[in-house]
Amino acid sequence: MRDIRGDLQDRAALLEEQISAHEAQFDKLIEQLKREHDSRLEDLTTELEAVTRLMDLELRRIETVPAPSAQRAQGREQPAPHAVHQPQSVHQPQHAVHQSQPQQQQQPQAPLADFLIRKLNEVGAMARDDLRRLSLQEGYFADADTAERGVHAALINVVKAGLIRQLPNGNFAPATVLDTIRLRRAM
């Protein structure tokens, strides 16, 4: 009868090497997952900060809407959600009402995301700078820096929602029917 202890020891050593290799591979995968997790959290945190800033801007924009009586004078029936009703004084001169109208015409009527989607549907593919310039002209932002951040955050959210898409050249375009169908199937 032959002694197989040496063969068994070799087999045990081979199995220990395989176990060590699998553990090392597992540790590498765990480390890679941790890096990906940290990177994704950083991206989401940055996006959350941008959305929070955009919400603050939108809240400030809504809070600057005049009282409901001035809105009805322009043909709107529903008051803004955050506007406080302040009755007009009987003794207030007529020109005071007319002075508030030009300011109100400069203020945007729709949320920024709706404005961007509407413009892309009307015009077609556009660059981010063109959309920023249009949002400044419509009165969504007071300065170019704020507009850059606000438009960027809004575009990211609208692209993620599948309402528009970013083209390979960096421009933004309206979502096609096929994009919408693919998005719905993915959900």
Protein backbone atom coordinates (compact mmCIF):
# COMPACT_ATOMS: atom_id res chain seq x y z
CA MET A 1 0.00 0.00 0.00
CA ARG A 2 1.28 3.36 -1.01
CA ASP A 3 1.58 6.35 1.39
CA ILE A 4 -0.63 9.18 0.05
CA ARG A 5 0.06 11.70 2.82
CA GLY A 6 2.32 13.74 0.52
CA ASP A 7 -0.38 13.90 -2.16
CA LEU A 8 -2.94 14.98 0.44
CA GLN A 9 -0.59 17.69 1.75
CA ASP A 10 -0.07 18.96 -1.81
CA ARG A 11 -3.83 18.95 -2.35
CA ALA A 12 -4.36 20.82 0.96
CA ALA A 13 -1.72 23.41 0.01
CA LEU A 14 -3.39 23.89 -3.40
CA LEU A 15 -6.79 24.35 -1.76
CA GLU A 16 -5.33 26.88 0.71
CA GLU A 17 -3.86 28.83 -2.22
CA GLN A 18 -7.23 28.81 -3.98
CA ILE A 19 -8.95 29.98 -0.79
CA SER A 20 -6.41 32.81 -0.41
CA ALA A 21 -6.86 33.79 -4.06
CA HIS A 22 -10.66 33.87 -3.70
CA GLU A 23 -10.40 35.93 -0.51
CA ALA A 24 -8.05 38.38 -2.22
CA GLN A 25 -10.44 38.62 -5.17
CA PHE A 26 -13.36 39.14 -2.75
CA ASP A 27 -11.44 41.90 -0.95
CA LYS A 28 -10.71 43.60 -4.29
CA LEU A 29 -14.39 43.45 -5.25
CA ILE A 30 -15.44 44.86 -1.87
CA GLU A 31 -12.94 47.71 -2.25
CA GLN A 32 -14.16 48.41 -5.79
CA LEU A 33 -17.79 48.43 -4.62
CA LYS A 34 -16.89 50.82 -1.80
CA ARG A 35 -15.21 53.19 -4.26
CA GLU A 36 -18.19 53.03 -6.64
CA HIS A 37 -20.57 53.56 -3.72
CA ASP A 38 -18.61 56.59 -2.47
CA SER A 39 -18.44 58.03 -5.99
CA ARG A 40 -22.18 57.56 -6.55
CA LEU A 41 -22.98 59.11 -3.17
CA GLU A 42 -20.78 62.09 -4.02
CA ASP A 43 -22.58 62.53 -7.35
CA LEU A 44 -25.99 62.27 -5.71
CA THR A 45 -25.00 64.69 -2.95
CA THR A 46 -23.80 67.21 -5.53
CA GLU A 47 -27.04 66.81 -7.48
CA LEU A 48 -29.10 67.17 -4.29
CA GLU A 49 -27.29 70.42 -3.48
CA ALA A 50 -28.00 71.74 -6.98
CA VAL A 51 -31.68 70.78 -6.75
CA THR A 52 -31.91 72.38 -3.31
CA ARG A 53 -30.41 75.60 -4.70
CA LEU A 54 -32.84 75.47 -7.60
CA MET A 55 -35.76 74.95 -5.21
CA ASP A 56 -34.59 77.97 -3.20
CA LEU A 57 -34.45 80.05 -6.39
CA GLU A 58 -37.90 78.87 -7.44
CA LEU A 59 -39.29 79.64 -3.97
CA ARG A 60 -37.81 83.15 -4.11
CA ARG A 61 -39.28 83.60 -7.58
CA ILE A 62 -42.72 82.51 -6.41
CA GLU A 63 -42.56 84.71 -3.32
CA THR A 64 -41.94 87.77 -5.51
CA VAL A 65 -45.24 87.29 -7.37
CA PRO A 66 -47.57 90.23 -6.56
CA ALA A 67 -50.79 89.91 -4.61
CA PRO A 68 -53.71 87.99 -6.21
CA SER A 69 -55.67 91.19 -7.01
CA ALA A 70 -52.91 92.32 -9.41
CA GLN A 71 -52.83 88.84 -10.95
CA ARG A 72 -56.57 88.89 -11.63
CA ALA A 73 -56.17 92.27 -13.29
CA GLN A 74 -53.93 90.55 -15.81
CA GLY A 75 -56.38 87.72 -16.44
CA ARG A 76 -55.14 85.06 -14.02
CA GLU A 77 -57.77 83.52 -11.80
CA GLN A 78 -55.69 81.38 -9.44
CA PRO A 79 -53.47 83.07 -6.83
CA ALA A 80 -49.90 81.95 -6.35
CA PRO A 81 -49.54 79.41 -3.52
CA HIS A 82 -47.23 81.55 -1.39
CA ALA A 83 -48.68 84.96 -2.19
CA VAL A 84 -50.34 86.71 0.71
CA HIS A 85 -53.60 88.47 -0.11
CA GLN A 86 -53.20 92.18 0.49
CA PRO A 87 -56.25 94.22 -0.41
CA GLN A 88 -55.57 97.35 -2.43
CA SER A 89 -56.14 100.56 -0.63
CA VAL A 90 -59.02 102.61 -1.96
CA HIS A 91 -56.74 105.64 -1.83
CA GLN A 92 -53.96 103.99 -3.83
CA PRO A 93 -53.30 105.92 -7.05
CA GLN A 94 -54.15 104.20 -10.34
CA HIS A 95 -50.57 104.51 -11.63
CA ALA A 96 -49.34 102.23 -8.80
CA VAL A 97 -51.28 99.31 -10.30
CA HIS A 98 -49.90 100.05 -13.77
CA GLN A 99 -46.35 100.23 -12.41
CA SER A 100 -46.49 96.66 -11.11
CA GLN A 101 -47.65 95.25 -14.45
CA PRO A 102 -44.38 95.71 -16.40
CA GLN A 103 -42.45 94.04 -13.58
CA GLN A 104 -44.83 91.12 -13.58
CA GLN A 105 -44.59 90.67 -17.35
CA GLN A 106 -40.83 90.19 -16.98
CA GLN A 107 -41.27 87.39 -14.46
CA PRO A 108 -41.52 83.85 -15.83
CA GLN A 109 -44.93 82.21 -15.78
CA ALA A 110 -44.04 78.48 -15.83
CA PRO A 111 -41.52 76.47 -13.79
CA LEU A 112 -38.03 76.43 -15.27
CA ALA A 113 -38.18 72.74 -16.26
CA ASP A 114 -41.45 73.30 -18.16
CA PHE A 115 -39.95 76.35 -19.87
CA LEU A 116 -36.88 74.37 -21.00
CA ILE A 117 -38.98 71.47 -22.32
CA ARG A 118 -41.30 73.87 -24.16
CA LYS A 119 -38.38 75.72 -25.79
CA LEU A 120 -36.75 72.48 -26.92
CA ASN A 121 -40.05 71.28 -28.37
CA GLU A 122 -40.54 74.60 -30.19
CA VAL A 123 -36.99 75.16 -31.48
CA GLY A 124 -35.41 71.71 -31.50
CA ALA A 125 -31.95 70.78 -30.24
CA MET A 126 -30.17 73.57 -28.38
CA ALA A 127 -26.93 74.06 -26.48
CA ARG A 128 -26.93 74.61 -22.73
CA ASP A 129 -25.64 78.17 -23.22
CA ASP A 130 -28.58 79.01 -25.48
CA LEU A 131 -31.02 77.65 -22.91
CA ARG A 132 -29.25 79.63 -20.18
CA ARG A 133 -29.46 82.81 -22.26
CA LEU A 134 -33.19 82.26 -22.91
CA SER A 135 -33.88 81.65 -19.21
CA LEU A 136 -32.07 84.89 -18.37
CA GLN A 137 -34.13 86.77 -20.95
CA GLU A 138 -37.35 85.30 -19.54
CA GLY A 139 -36.42 86.51 -16.06
CA TYR A 140 -35.81 83.19 -14.35
CA PHE A 141 -32.44 84.36 -13.01
CA ALA A 142 -30.85 87.65 -12.03
CA ASP A 143 -27.31 86.88 -13.21
CA ALA A 144 -25.40 84.50 -15.48
CA ASP A 145 -23.71 82.52 -12.68
CA THR A 146 -26.99 81.67 -11.00
CA ALA A 147 -28.51 80.87 -14.39
CA GLU A 148 -25.64 78.50 -15.23
CA ARG A 149 -26.13 76.47 -12.05
CA GLY A 150 -29.93 76.57 -12.17
CA VAL A 151 -30.24 75.58 -15.83
CA HIS A 152 -27.63 72.83 -15.37
CA ALA A 153 -29.53 71.34 -12.41
CA ALA A 154 -32.87 71.59 -14.20
CA LEU A 155 -31.48 69.96 -17.34
CA ILE A 156 -30.00 67.07 -15.36
CA ASN A 157 -33.33 66.40 -13.68
CA VAL A 158 -35.37 66.68 -16.88
CA VAL A 159 -32.96 64.34 -18.72
CA LYS A 160 -33.19 61.82 -15.87
CA ALA A 161 -36.97 62.06 -16.00
CA GLY A 162 -36.77 61.15 -19.70
CA LEU A 163 -38.55 64.29 -20.90
CA ILE A 164 -35.55 65.48 -22.92
CA ARG A 165 -32.31 63.83 -23.97
CA GLN A 166 -28.71 64.90 -24.29
CA LEU A 167 -27.19 64.37 -27.70
CA PRO A 168 -23.62 63.08 -28.19
CA ASN A 169 -22.47 66.62 -29.12
CA GLY A 170 -23.69 67.94 -25.73
CA ASN A 171 -26.82 69.69 -27.02
CA PHE A 172 -30.23 68.93 -25.59
CA ALA A 173 -33.23 67.82 -27.64
CA PRO A 174 -36.83 66.86 -26.98
CA ALA A 175 -37.36 63.21 -26.13
CA THR A 176 -38.71 61.22 -29.04
CA VAL A 177 -41.62 58.85 -28.82
CA LEU A 178 -39.16 55.92 -28.94
CA ASP A 179 -37.25 57.34 -25.95
CA THR A 180 -40.49 57.59 -23.99
CA ILE A 181 -41.49 54.01 -24.88
CA ARG A 182 -38.04 52.70 -23.87
CA LEU A 183 -38.23 54.58 -20.59
CA ARG A 184 -41.66 53.18 -19.78
CA ARG A 185 -40.54 49.64 -20.64
CA ALA A 186 -37.48 50.01 -18.42
CA MET A 187 -39.69 50.94 -15.49
